[in-house]
Amino acid sequence: MSMRLAHPLQITALALAVLALPTPRSACLAQEQQPGGTPTHDRASQARNAPAIDLDFRGGSAAEFIEAIRRAADGNVNIVTMPHVEEVEIPSMKLRHVEVVAALNLLDGESVQTAPGRMVELDVRTISPPFGDSGLLIKVDAKVNEARNYQGPQRSNIWSVADLISNGMTADNITTAVSAALELLGPESAKAQVRFHKETSLLLARAAVEQIEIINNVIGELRQSNAQQRSEAMRPMQEQIEQLSRELDRARSSLDAAHVEGSERMQMAEAAKARAEAMERHAAELEAMTSKLREELIQRETQVRALQMEMDQLRSALQKKPGGG
């Protein structure tokens, strides 16, 4: 995967410089050297028959830039591209009445870092024919420089894994998982330093940024796995708690029903008590009335006996009088 061009302003500035030159042919072309070191032909004379083009390039790979030049020249140009040219990115630019060789020379020396320790640099060469000024050939090559045992920038990071340790995971489990994940990067990756501090339950690492991210992901996965294991272990207890909760709800419902029934019975008892008290009061009233009537009856009986005695006395007195009947 290619990265964006590290210095896009260089190409734009170079393009403006080319447009500003009064003699672009002689300024943009250099002499190609033979293996012996002598020039094969002056590039200015080689490019006299090369077409001038207008180009509106929206940005893309160097291979796309070269193809745009081919289309602008209507195919009247011989350009050979070598592998890896497409990895270099070119910014957008506009060229007006520029010779093909000058436009292609904008690519010369452009480089991009496509991976840690890997650089791709473009090299543009004009190859002249052995005779005459026609048949100009332009070669765009890509030099790939890969540094062996490249050690990219590293940084340190610290993770607290006390929660994992307290939940039953050992330090060996954690470091083994981290090492296994780092091994997937391959032997060409930088050596990561990973240590576990037992007294504080801290995991310490000094490694490349990519490796730090992998370690962080591993710890995150371990936490998620640990949480799932705890959830599975607690599931029977949770089910028991839910069952006890349901039984408690039923007991509360029964107790509420008993309270309602007790309240109803209490109300009935209070009503019965009120009726009994009323009856007792009524019975007391009746008893008082009965006692009063009994006393009145005794008084009348006494009066009747007294009247009876008076009548008996009068009758006796009448019988004793002379001439009485």
C-alpha atoms as a PDB file:
ATOM      1  CA  MET A   1       0.000   0.000   0.000  1.00  0.00           C
ATOM      2  CA  SER A   2       1.563   3.312  -1.072  1.00  0.00           C
ATOM      3  CA  MET A   3       1.599   6.431   1.017  1.00  0.00           C
ATOM      4  CA  ARG A   4       0.941  10.014  -0.111  1.00  0.00           C
ATOM      5  CA  LEU A   5       3.870  11.875  -1.645  1.00  0.00           C
ATOM      6  CA  ALA A   6       6.095  13.205   1.121  1.00  0.00           C
ATOM      7  CA  HIS A   7       6.750  16.562  -0.629  1.00  0.00           C
ATOM      8  CA  PRO A   8       4.029  17.359  -3.206  1.00  0.00           C
ATOM      9  CA  LEU A   9       4.994  21.053  -3.270  1.00  0.00           C
ATOM     10  CA  GLN A  10       8.334  20.097  -4.836  1.00  0.00           C
ATOM     11  CA  ILE A  11       6.606  18.866  -8.008  1.00  0.00           C
ATOM     12  CA  THR A  12       4.286  21.875  -8.202  1.00  0.00           C
ATOM     13  CA  ALA A  13       7.207  24.288  -7.748  1.00  0.00           C
ATOM     14  CA  LEU A  14       9.230  22.424 -10.349  1.00  0.00           C
ATOM     15  CA  ALA A  15       6.317  22.580 -12.791  1.00  0.00           C
ATOM     16  CA  LEU A  16       6.045  26.347 -12.334  1.00  0.00           C
ATOM     17  CA  ALA A  17       9.775  26.690 -12.824  1.00  0.00           C
ATOM     18  CA  VAL A  18       9.583  24.727 -16.066  1.00  0.00           C
ATOM     19  CA  LEU A  19       6.790  26.975 -17.354  1.00  0.00           C
ATOM     20  CA  ALA A  20       8.771  30.102 -16.446  1.00  0.00           C
ATOM     21  CA  LEU A  21      11.952  29.095 -18.284  1.00  0.00           C
ATOM     22  CA  PRO A  22      12.534  30.983 -21.562  1.00  0.00           C
ATOM     23  CA  THR A  23      14.136  27.947 -23.263  1.00  0.00           C
ATOM     24  CA  PRO A  24      12.386  24.904 -21.739  1.00  0.00           C
ATOM     25  CA  ARG A  25      13.968  22.439 -24.100  1.00  0.00           C
ATOM     26  CA  SER A  26      17.553  23.168 -23.194  1.00  0.00           C
ATOM     27  CA  ALA A  27      16.749  23.746 -19.503  1.00  0.00           C
ATOM     28  CA  CYS A  28      14.809  20.536 -18.861  1.00  0.00           C
ATOM     29  CA  LEU A  29      17.042  18.102 -20.730  1.00  0.00           C
ATOM     30  CA  ALA A  30      20.356  16.667 -19.627  1.00  0.00           C
ATOM     31  CA  GLN A  31      22.791  14.496 -21.408  1.00  0.00           C
ATOM     32  CA  GLU A  32      22.444  10.717 -21.050  1.00  0.00           C
ATOM     33  CA  GLN A  33      25.711   9.051 -20.181  1.00  0.00           C
ATOM     34  CA  GLN A  34      27.002   5.867 -21.774  1.00  0.00           C
ATOM     35  CA  PRO A  35      28.660   3.237 -19.559  1.00  0.00           C
ATOM     36  CA  GLY A  36      31.977   4.778 -20.554  1.00  0.00           C
ATOM     37  CA  GLY A  37      30.950   8.182 -19.274  1.00  0.00           C
ATOM     38  CA  THR A  38      30.630  10.066 -22.641  1.00  0.00           C
ATOM     39  CA  PRO A  39      27.358  11.707 -23.633  1.00  0.00           C
ATOM     40  CA  THR A  40      25.365   9.868 -26.316  1.00  0.00           C
ATOM     41  CA  HIS A  41      23.522  12.929 -27.615  1.00  0.00           C
ATOM     42  CA  ASP A  42      22.387  16.341 -26.468  1.00  0.00           C
ATOM     43  CA  ARG A  43      18.859  16.076 -25.039  1.00  0.00           C
ATOM     44  CA  ALA A  44      17.884  19.417 -26.528  1.00  0.00           C
ATOM     45  CA  SER A  45      18.445  18.129 -30.033  1.00  0.00           C
ATOM     46  CA  GLN A  46      16.763  14.831 -29.134  1.00  0.00           C
ATOM     47  CA  ALA A  47      13.586  16.601 -27.947  1.00  0.00           C
ATOM     48  CA  ARG A  48      13.152  18.923 -30.945  1.00  0.00           C
ATOM     49  CA  ASN A  49      10.667  16.544 -32.551  1.00  0.00           C
ATOM     50  CA  ALA A  50       8.893  15.735 -29.199  1.00  0.00           C
ATOM     51  CA  PRO A  51       5.322  17.116 -29.018  1.00  0.00           C
ATOM     52  CA  ALA A  52       4.320  19.901 -26.663  1.00  0.00           C
ATOM     53  CA  ILE A  53       1.246  19.071 -24.545  1.00  0.00           C
ATOM     54  CA  ASP A  54      -1.351  20.646 -22.296  1.00  0.00           C
ATOM     55  CA  LEU A  55      -2.207  18.576 -19.232  1.00  0.00           C
ATOM     56  CA  ASP A  56      -4.820  18.851 -16.453  1.00  0.00           C
ATOM     57  CA  PHE A  57      -3.950  16.125 -13.946  1.00  0.00           C
ATOM     58  CA  ARG A  58      -6.297  15.633 -10.971  1.00  0.00           C
ATOM     59  CA  GLY A  59      -3.794  13.695  -8.917  1.00  0.00           C
ATOM     60  CA  GLY A  60      -3.060   9.981  -8.646  1.00  0.00           C
ATOM     61  CA  SER A  61      -0.241   7.509  -9.050  1.00  0.00           C
ATOM     62  CA  ALA A  62       2.852   8.162 -11.164  1.00  0.00           C
ATOM     63  CA  ALA A  63       1.626   5.465 -13.574  1.00  0.00           C
ATOM     64  CA  GLU A  64      -1.635   7.414 -14.023  1.00  0.00           C
ATOM     65  CA  PHE A  65       0.355  10.615 -14.588  1.00  0.00           C
ATOM     66  CA  ILE A  66       2.387   8.914 -17.317  1.00  0.00           C
ATOM     67  CA  GLU A  67      -0.769   7.557 -18.960  1.00  0.00           C
ATOM     68  CA  ALA A  68      -2.259  11.067 -18.922  1.00  0.00           C
ATOM     69  CA  ILE A  69       0.863  12.320 -20.722  1.00  0.00           C
ATOM     70  CA  ARG A  70       0.472   9.569 -23.338  1.00  0.00           C
ATOM     71  CA  ARG A  71      -3.139  10.595 -23.985  1.00  0.00           C
ATOM     72  CA  ALA A  72      -2.210  14.296 -24.166  1.00  0.00           C
ATOM     73  CA  ALA A  73       0.483  13.463 -26.750  1.00  0.00           C
ATOM     74  CA  ASP A  74      -1.988  11.329 -28.750  1.00  0.00           C
ATOM     75  CA  GLY A  75       0.328   8.367 -28.345  1.00  0.00           C
ATOM     76  CA  ASN A  76       3.155  10.069 -30.210  1.00  0.00           C
ATOM     77  CA  VAL A  77       5.674   9.351 -27.503  1.00  0.00           C
ATOM     78  CA  ASN A  78       7.592   6.247 -26.396  1.00  0.00           C
ATOM     79  CA  ILE A  79       7.499   5.844 -22.622  1.00  0.00           C
ATOM     80  CA  VAL A  80       8.576   2.680 -20.818  1.00  0.00           C
ATOM     81  CA  THR A  81       7.493   2.267 -17.168  1.00  0.00           C
ATOM     82  CA  MET A  82       9.123  -0.241 -14.851  1.00  0.00           C
ATOM     83  CA  PRO A  83       7.536  -2.061 -11.855  1.00  0.00           C
ATOM     84  CA  HIS A  84       6.684  -0.149  -8.656  1.00  0.00           C
ATOM     85  CA  VAL A  85       6.227   3.185 -10.464  1.00  0.00           C
ATOM     86  CA  GLU A  86       2.540   3.088  -9.559  1.00  0.00           C
ATOM     87  CA  GLU A  87       3.397   3.204  -5.827  1.00  0.00           C
ATOM     88  CA  VAL A  88       4.382   6.881  -5.955  1.00  0.00           C
ATOM     89  CA  GLU A  89       1.523   9.372  -5.633  1.00  0.00           C
ATOM     90  CA  ILE A  90       1.488  12.605  -7.651  1.00  0.00           C
ATOM     91  CA  PRO A  91      -0.570  15.687  -6.665  1.00  0.00           C
ATOM     92  CA  SER A  92      -2.852  17.507  -9.068  1.00  0.00           C
ATOM     93  CA  MET A  93      -1.264  19.967 -11.507  1.00  0.00           C
ATOM     94  CA  LYS A  94      -1.913  21.915 -14.708  1.00  0.00           C
ATOM     95  CA  LEU A  95       0.694  22.159 -17.480  1.00  0.00           C
ATOM     96  CA  ARG A  96       0.431  24.363 -20.579  1.00  0.00           C
ATOM     97  CA  HIS A  97       2.505  23.844 -23.751  1.00  0.00           C
ATOM     98  CA  VAL A  98       5.138  21.733 -22.040  1.00  0.00           C
ATOM     99  CA  GLU A  99       7.286  19.178 -23.835  1.00  0.00           C
ATOM    100  CA  VAL A 100       6.750  15.553 -22.882  1.00  0.00           C
ATOM    101  CA  VAL A 101      10.318  15.124 -21.628  1.00  0.00           C
ATOM    102  CA  ALA A 102       9.995  18.194 -19.410  1.00  0.00           C
ATOM    103  CA  ALA A 103       6.692  16.927 -18.006  1.00  0.00           C
ATOM    104  CA  LEU A 104       8.150  13.483 -17.297  1.00  0.00           C
ATOM    105  CA  ASN A 105      11.230  14.995 -15.678  1.00  0.00           C
ATOM    106  CA  LEU A 106       8.919  16.273 -12.950  1.00  0.00           C
ATOM    107  CA  LEU A 107       8.872  12.678 -11.696  1.00  0.00           C
ATOM    108  CA  ASP A 108      12.643  12.335 -11.541  1.00  0.00           C
ATOM    109  CA  GLY A 109      13.870  11.922  -7.957  1.00  0.00           C
ATOM    110  CA  GLU A 110      10.410  11.797  -6.410  1.00  0.00           C
ATOM    111  CA  SER A 111      10.243   9.229  -3.597  1.00  0.00           C
ATOM    112  CA  VAL A 112       7.757   7.811  -1.139  1.00  0.00           C
ATOM    113  CA  GLN A 113       7.965   5.606   1.932  1.00  0.00           C
ATOM    114  CA  THR A 114       5.559   2.732   1.318  1.00  0.00           C
ATOM    115  CA  ALA A 115       6.414   0.750   4.472  1.00  0.00           C
ATOM    116  CA  PRO A 116       8.761   1.057   7.448  1.00  0.00           C
ATOM    117  CA  GLY A 117      12.292   0.907   6.033  1.00  0.00           C
ATOM    118  CA  ARG A 118      11.094   0.746   2.392  1.00  0.00           C
ATOM    119  CA  MET A 119      11.550   3.662  -0.018  1.00  0.00           C
ATOM    120  CA  VAL A 120      10.535   3.893  -3.682  1.00  0.00           C
ATOM    121  CA  GLU A 121      12.369   6.550  -5.760  1.00  0.00           C
ATOM    122  CA  LEU A 122      11.596   7.408  -9.385  1.00  0.00           C
ATOM    123  CA  ASP A 123      14.332   7.769 -12.004  1.00  0.00           C
ATOM    124  CA  VAL A 124      13.591   9.275 -15.434  1.00  0.00           C
ATOM    125  CA  ARG A 125      16.033   8.650 -18.275  1.00  0.00           C
ATOM    126  CA  THR A 126      15.952   9.651 -21.932  1.00  0.00           C
ATOM    127  CA  ILE A 127      17.418   7.097 -24.279  1.00  0.00           C
ATOM    128  CA  SER A 128      18.433   8.464 -27.708  1.00  0.00           C
ATOM    129  CA  PRO A 129      18.493   6.400 -30.898  1.00  0.00           C
ATOM    130  CA  PRO A 130      21.922   5.580 -32.397  1.00  0.00           C
ATOM    131  CA  PHE A 131      21.249   7.714 -35.515  1.00  0.00           C
ATOM    132  CA  GLY A 132      19.147  10.778 -36.196  1.00  0.00           C
ATOM    133  CA  ASP A 133      16.883  12.860 -33.981  1.00  0.00           C
ATOM    134  CA  SER A 134      13.736  10.703 -34.162  1.00  0.00           C
ATOM    135  CA  GLY A 135      12.655   7.717 -32.080  1.00  0.00           C
ATOM    136  CA  LEU A 136      13.251   9.247 -28.653  1.00  0.00           C
ATOM    137  CA  LEU A 137      12.588   6.733 -25.813  1.00  0.00           C
ATOM    138  CA  ILE A 138      11.895   7.757 -22.219  1.00  0.00           C
ATOM    139  CA  LYS A 139      12.294   5.240 -19.392  1.00  0.00           C
ATOM    140  CA  VAL A 140      10.690   5.746 -15.977  1.00  0.00           C
ATOM    141  CA  ASP A 141      12.218   3.405 -13.416  1.00  0.00           C
ATOM    142  CA  ALA A 142      11.480   2.891  -9.719  1.00  0.00           C
ATOM    143  CA  LYS A 143      14.351   2.182  -7.343  1.00  0.00           C
ATOM    144  CA  VAL A 144      13.220   0.249  -4.284  1.00  0.00           C
ATOM    145  CA  ASN A 145      15.429   0.590  -1.220  1.00  0.00           C
ATOM    146  CA  GLU A 146      14.568  -1.731   1.657  1.00  0.00           C
ATOM    147  CA  ALA A 147      16.507  -1.409   4.892  1.00  0.00           C
ATOM    148  CA  ARG A 148      17.305  -4.724   6.520  1.00  0.00           C
ATOM    149  CA  ASN A 149      16.487  -5.152  10.196  1.00  0.00           C
ATOM    150  CA  TYR A 150      14.688  -1.821  10.126  1.00  0.00           C
ATOM    151  CA  GLN A 151      13.750  -0.579  13.547  1.00  0.00           C
ATOM    152  CA  GLY A 152      10.937   1.951  13.319  1.00  0.00           C
ATOM    153  CA  PRO A 153      10.086   4.517  15.994  1.00  0.00           C
ATOM    154  CA  GLN A 154       9.152   2.979  19.321  1.00  0.00           C
ATOM    155  CA  ARG A 155       7.232   4.210  22.329  1.00  0.00           C
ATOM    156  CA  SER A 156       6.489   2.945  25.814  1.00  0.00           C
ATOM    157  CA  ASN A 157       3.129   2.126  27.295  1.00  0.00           C
ATOM    158  CA  ILE A 158       1.803   0.790  30.608  1.00  0.00           C
ATOM    159  CA  TRP A 159      -1.386  -1.191  31.248  1.00  0.00           C
ATOM    160  CA  SER A 160      -2.875  -2.077  34.615  1.00  0.00           C
ATOM    161  CA  VAL A 161      -4.078  -5.684  34.504  1.00  0.00           C
ATOM    162  CA  ALA A 162      -4.973  -5.926  38.195  1.00  0.00           C
ATOM    163  CA  ASP A 163      -8.579  -6.642  37.253  1.00  0.00           C
ATOM    164  CA  LEU A 164      -7.517  -9.633  35.138  1.00  0.00           C
ATOM    165  CA  ILE A 165      -5.225 -10.957  37.873  1.00  0.00           C
ATOM    166  CA  SER A 166      -7.917 -10.554  40.560  1.00  0.00           C
ATOM    167  CA  ASN A 167     -10.334 -12.535  38.390  1.00  0.00           C
ATOM    168  CA  GLY A 168      -8.057 -15.559  38.215  1.00  0.00           C
ATOM    169  CA  MET A 169      -5.887 -14.872  35.155  1.00  0.00           C
ATOM    170  CA  THR A 170      -2.159 -15.387  35.651  1.00  0.00           C
ATOM    171  CA  ALA A 171       0.664 -13.153  34.471  1.00  0.00           C
ATOM    172  CA  ASP A 172       1.881 -15.994  32.256  1.00  0.00           C
ATOM    173  CA  ASN A 173      -1.522 -16.164  30.549  1.00  0.00           C
ATOM    174  CA  ILE A 174      -1.362 -12.470  29.739  1.00  0.00           C
ATOM    175  CA  THR A 175       2.248 -12.333  28.502  1.00  0.00           C
ATOM    176  CA  THR A 176       1.800 -15.518  26.453  1.00  0.00           C
ATOM    177  CA  ALA A 177      -1.242 -14.077  24.688  1.00  0.00           C
ATOM    178  CA  VAL A 178       0.636 -10.846  23.961  1.00  0.00           C
ATOM    179  CA  SER A 179       3.678 -12.712  22.613  1.00  0.00           C
ATOM    180  CA  ALA A 180       1.517 -14.913  20.379  1.00  0.00           C
ATOM    181  CA  ALA A 181      -0.172 -11.859  18.877  1.00  0.00           C
ATOM    182  CA  LEU A 182       3.158 -10.096  18.242  1.00  0.00           C
ATOM    183  CA  GLU A 183       4.570 -13.197  16.535  1.00  0.00           C
ATOM    184  CA  LEU A 184       1.862 -12.877  13.866  1.00  0.00           C
ATOM    185  CA  LEU A 185       3.659  -9.768  12.556  1.00  0.00           C
ATOM    186  CA  GLY A 186       6.450 -12.011  11.291  1.00  0.00           C
ATOM    187  CA  PRO A 187      10.180 -12.229  11.961  1.00  0.00           C
ATOM    188  CA  GLU A 188      10.898  -8.984  10.105  1.00  0.00           C
ATOM    189  CA  SER A 189       9.051  -6.894  12.682  1.00  0.00           C
ATOM    190  CA  ALA A 190      10.901  -4.976  15.365  1.00  0.00           C
ATOM    191  CA  LYS A 191      11.649  -6.688  18.668  1.00  0.00           C
ATOM    192  CA  ALA A 192       9.153  -5.651  21.316  1.00  0.00           C
ATOM    193  CA  GLN A 193      10.155  -5.514  24.989  1.00  0.00           C
ATOM    194  CA  VAL A 194       7.333  -6.702  27.258  1.00  0.00           C
ATOM    195  CA  ARG A 195       7.612  -7.000  31.054  1.00  0.00           C
ATOM    196  CA  PHE A 196       5.169  -7.782  33.861  1.00  0.00           C
ATOM    197  CA  HIS A 197       5.579  -6.117  37.252  1.00  0.00           C
ATOM    198  CA  LYS A 198       4.170  -8.522  39.821  1.00  0.00           C
ATOM    199  CA  GLU A 199       3.992  -6.164  42.808  1.00  0.00           C
ATOM    200  CA  THR A 200       1.787  -3.611  40.988  1.00  0.00           C
ATOM    201  CA  SER A 201       0.146  -5.898  38.374  1.00  0.00           C
ATOM    202  CA  LEU A 202       1.391  -3.612  35.603  1.00  0.00           C
ATOM    203  CA  LEU A 203       2.234  -4.735  32.070  1.00  0.00           C
ATOM    204  CA  LEU A 204       5.019  -2.607  30.586  1.00  0.00           C
ATOM    205  CA  ALA A 205       6.062  -2.572  26.926  1.00  0.00           C
ATOM    206  CA  ARG A 206       8.407  -0.687  24.639  1.00  0.00           C
ATOM    207  CA  ALA A 207       7.648  -1.435  21.023  1.00  0.00           C
ATOM    208  CA  ALA A 208       6.665   0.007  17.670  1.00  0.00           C
ATOM    209  CA  VAL A 209       3.401   1.924  17.412  1.00  0.00           C
ATOM    210  CA  GLU A 210       1.754  -0.967  15.552  1.00  0.00           C
ATOM    211  CA  GLN A 211       2.890  -3.426  18.218  1.00  0.00           C
ATOM    212  CA  ILE A 212       1.607  -1.168  21.020  1.00  0.00           C
ATOM    213  CA  GLU A 213      -1.789  -1.144  19.319  1.00  0.00           C
ATOM    214  CA  ILE A 214      -1.753  -4.947  19.069  1.00  0.00           C
ATOM    215  CA  ILE A 215      -0.912  -5.274  22.780  1.00  0.00           C
ATOM    216  CA  ASN A 216      -3.726  -2.874  23.613  1.00  0.00           C
ATOM    217  CA  ASN A 217      -6.139  -4.955  21.502  1.00  0.00           C
ATOM    218  CA  VAL A 218      -5.007  -8.193  23.189  1.00  0.00           C
ATOM    219  CA  ILE A 219      -5.631  -6.762  26.667  1.00  0.00           C
ATOM    220  CA  GLY A 220      -9.037  -5.536  25.525  1.00  0.00           C
ATOM    221  CA  GLU A 221      -9.911  -9.002  24.209  1.00  0.00           C
ATOM    222  CA  LEU A 222      -8.693 -10.608  27.437  1.00  0.00           C
ATOM    223  CA  ARG A 223     -10.928  -8.282  29.448  1.00  0.00           C
ATOM    224  CA  GLN A 224     -13.898  -9.118  27.247  1.00  0.00           C
ATOM    225  CA  SER A 225     -13.192 -12.853  27.488  1.00  0.00           C
ATOM    226  CA  ASN A 226     -12.752 -12.565  31.256  1.00  0.00           C
ATOM    227  CA  ALA A 227     -16.054 -10.712  31.549  1.00  0.00           C
ATOM    228  CA  GLN A 228     -17.796 -13.426  29.522  1.00  0.00           C
ATOM    229  CA  GLN A 229     -16.308 -16.149  31.733  1.00  0.00           C
ATOM    230  CA  ARG A 230     -17.448 -14.338  34.866  1.00  0.00           C
ATOM    231  CA  SER A 231     -20.874 -13.925  33.336  1.00  0.00           C
ATOM    232  CA  GLU A 232     -21.039 -17.661  32.581  1.00  0.00           C
ATOM    233  CA  ALA A 233     -19.857 -18.515  36.107  1.00  0.00           C
ATOM    234  CA  MET A 234     -22.411 -16.199  37.675  1.00  0.00           C
ATOM    235  CA  ARG A 235     -25.296 -17.414  35.528  1.00  0.00           C
ATOM    236  CA  PRO A 236     -26.398 -20.257  37.926  1.00  0.00           C
ATOM    237  CA  MET A 237     -26.244 -17.815  40.849  1.00  0.00           C
ATOM    238  CA  GLN A 238     -28.227 -15.260  38.864  1.00  0.00           C
ATOM    239  CA  GLU A 239     -30.828 -17.894  38.010  1.00  0.00           C
ATOM    240  CA  GLN A 240     -31.054 -18.835  41.705  1.00  0.00           C
ATOM    241  CA  ILE A 241     -31.408 -15.182  42.647  1.00  0.00           C
ATOM    242  CA  GLU A 242     -34.154 -14.751  40.048  1.00  0.00           C
ATOM    243  CA  GLN A 243     -35.946 -17.846  41.403  1.00  0.00           C
ATOM    244  CA  LEU A 244     -35.709 -16.542  44.985  1.00  0.00           C
ATOM    245  CA  SER A 245     -36.943 -13.179  43.760  1.00  0.00           C
ATOM    246  CA  ARG A 246     -39.974 -14.832  42.169  1.00  0.00           C
ATOM    247  CA  GLU A 247     -40.678 -16.773  45.378  1.00  0.00           C
ATOM    248  CA  LEU A 248     -40.322 -13.565  47.376  1.00  0.00           C
ATOM    249  CA  ASP A 249     -42.799 -11.860  45.058  1.00  0.00           C
ATOM    250  CA  ARG A 250     -45.255 -14.719  45.556  1.00  0.00           C
ATOM    251  CA  ALA A 251     -44.778 -14.547  49.348  1.00  0.00           C
ATOM    252  CA  ARG A 252     -45.364 -10.810  49.262  1.00  0.00           C
ATOM    253  CA  SER A 253     -48.496 -11.322  47.202  1.00  0.00           C
ATOM    254  CA  SER A 254     -49.744 -13.915  49.715  1.00  0.00           C
ATOM    255  CA  LEU A 255     -48.898 -11.592  52.590  1.00  0.00           C
ATOM    256  CA  ASP A 256     -50.738  -8.730  50.908  1.00  0.00           C
ATOM    257  CA  ALA A 257     -53.765 -10.999  50.404  1.00  0.00           C
ATOM    258  CA  ALA A 258     -53.573 -12.059  54.065  1.00  0.00           C
ATOM    259  CA  HIS A 259     -53.412  -8.422  55.086  1.00  0.00           C
ATOM    260  CA  VAL A 260     -56.484  -7.675  53.009  1.00  0.00           C
ATOM    261  CA  GLU A 261     -58.329 -10.662  54.447  1.00  0.00           C
ATOM    262  CA  GLY A 262     -57.213  -9.775  57.991  1.00  0.00           C
ATOM    263  CA  SER A 263     -58.354  -6.214  57.476  1.00  0.00           C
ATOM    264  CA  GLU A 264     -61.735  -7.407  56.261  1.00  0.00           C
ATOM    265  CA  ARG A 265     -62.035  -9.748  59.231  1.00  0.00           C
ATOM    266  CA  MET A 266     -60.962  -6.974  61.567  1.00  0.00           C
ATOM    267  CA  GLN A 267     -63.662  -4.760  60.154  1.00  0.00           C
ATOM    268  CA  MET A 268     -66.207  -7.569  60.549  1.00  0.00           C
ATOM    269  CA  ALA A 269     -65.062  -8.148  64.161  1.00  0.00           C
ATOM    270  CA  GLU A 270     -65.312  -4.460  64.924  1.00  0.00           C
ATOM    271  CA  ALA A 271     -68.804  -4.387  63.419  1.00  0.00           C
ATOM    272  CA  ALA A 272     -69.813  -7.462  65.483  1.00  0.00           C
ATOM    273  CA  LYS A 273     -68.333  -5.881  68.586  1.00  0.00           C
ATOM    274  CA  ALA A 274     -70.280  -2.714  67.888  1.00  0.00           C
ATOM    275  CA  ARG A 275     -73.460  -4.754  67.463  1.00  0.00           C
ATOM    276  CA  ALA A 276     -72.728  -6.687  70.666  1.00  0.00           C
ATOM    277  CA  GLU A 277     -72.108  -3.500  72.572  1.00  0.00           C
ATOM    278  CA  ALA A 278     -75.351  -2.088  71.206  1.00  0.00           C
ATOM    279  CA  MET A 279     -77.169  -5.239  72.240  1.00  0.00           C
ATOM    280  CA  GLU A 280     -75.589  -5.056  75.684  1.00  0.00           C
ATOM    281  CA  ARG A 281     -76.706  -1.472  76.030  1.00  0.00           C
ATOM    282  CA  HIS A 282     -80.197  -2.435  74.867  1.00  0.00           C
ATOM    283  CA  ALA A 283     -80.267  -5.403  77.299  1.00  0.00           C
ATOM    284  CA  ALA A 284     -79.189  -3.125  80.140  1.00  0.00           C
ATOM    285  CA  GLU A 285     -81.935  -0.717  79.220  1.00  0.00           C
ATOM    286  CA  LEU A 286     -84.450  -3.566  79.136  1.00  0.00           C
ATOM    287  CA  GLU A 287     -83.205  -4.848  82.497  1.00  0.00           C
ATOM    288  CA  ALA A 288     -83.517  -1.399  83.988  1.00  0.00           C
ATOM    289  CA  MET A 289     -87.035  -1.085  82.628  1.00  0.00           C
ATOM    290  CA  THR A 290     -87.876  -4.560  83.974  1.00  0.00           C
ATOM    291  CA  SER A 291     -86.517  -3.650  87.399  1.00  0.00           C
ATOM    292  CA  LYS A 292     -88.564  -0.464  87.413  1.00  0.00           C
ATOM    293  CA  LEU A 293     -91.715  -2.281  86.382  1.00  0.00           C
ATOM    294  CA  ARG A 294     -91.094  -4.893  89.081  1.00  0.00           C
ATOM    295  CA  GLU A 295     -90.803  -2.185  91.683  1.00  0.00           C
ATOM    296  CA  GLU A 296     -94.009  -0.569  90.449  1.00  0.00           C
ATOM    297  CA  LEU A 297     -95.735  -3.931  90.532  1.00  0.00           C
ATOM    298  CA  ILE A 298     -94.614  -4.527  94.105  1.00  0.00           C
ATOM    299  CA  GLN A 299     -95.871  -1.095  95.089  1.00  0.00           C
ATOM    300  CA  ARG A 300     -99.263  -1.743  93.483  1.00  0.00           C
ATOM    301  CA  GLU A 301     -99.482  -5.162  95.090  1.00  0.00           C
ATOM    302  CA  THR A 302     -98.787  -3.505  98.435  1.00  0.00           C
ATOM    303  CA  GLN A 303    -101.446  -0.943  97.725  1.00  0.00           C
ATOM    304  CA  VAL A 304    -103.886  -3.683  96.710  1.00  0.00           C
ATOM    305  CA  ARG A 305    -103.217  -5.613  99.966  1.00  0.00           C
ATOM    306  CA  ALA A 306    -103.683  -2.454 101.946  1.00  0.00           C
ATOM    307  CA  LEU A 307    -107.001  -1.758 100.206  1.00  0.00           C
ATOM    308  CA  GLN A 308    -107.994  -5.362 100.708  1.00  0.00           C
ATOM    309  CA  MET A 309    -107.329  -5.055 104.434  1.00  0.00           C
ATOM    310  CA  GLU A 310    -109.333  -1.863 104.620  1.00  0.00           C
ATOM    311  CA  MET A 311    -112.219  -3.523 102.804  1.00  0.00           C
ATOM    312  CA  ASP A 312    -112.045  -6.480 105.147  1.00  0.00           C
ATOM    313  CA  GLN A 313    -112.091  -4.138 108.139  1.00  0.00           C
ATOM    314  CA  LEU A 314    -115.059  -2.216 106.750  1.00  0.00           C
ATOM    315  CA  ARG A 315    -116.913  -5.399 106.031  1.00  0.00           C
ATOM    316  CA  SER A 316    -116.316  -6.600 109.569  1.00  0.00           C
ATOM    317  CA  ALA A 317    -117.462  -3.322 110.967  1.00  0.00           C
ATOM    318  CA  LEU A 318    -120.647  -3.424 108.971  1.00  0.00           C
ATOM    319  CA  GLN A 319    -121.421  -6.911 110.131  1.00  0.00           C
ATOM    320  CA  LYS A 320    -121.062  -5.906 113.749  1.00  0.00           C
ATOM    321  CA  LYS A 321    -123.499  -3.007 113.622  1.00  0.00           C
ATOM    322  CA  PRO A 322    -127.048  -3.779 114.693  1.00  0.00           C
ATOM    323  CA  GLY A 323    -129.346  -4.335 111.878  1.00  0.00           C
ATOM    324  CA  GLY A 324    -126.390  -4.912 109.715  1.00  0.00           C
ATOM    325  CA  GLY A 325    -126.716  -7.504 107.179  1.00  0.00           C
END
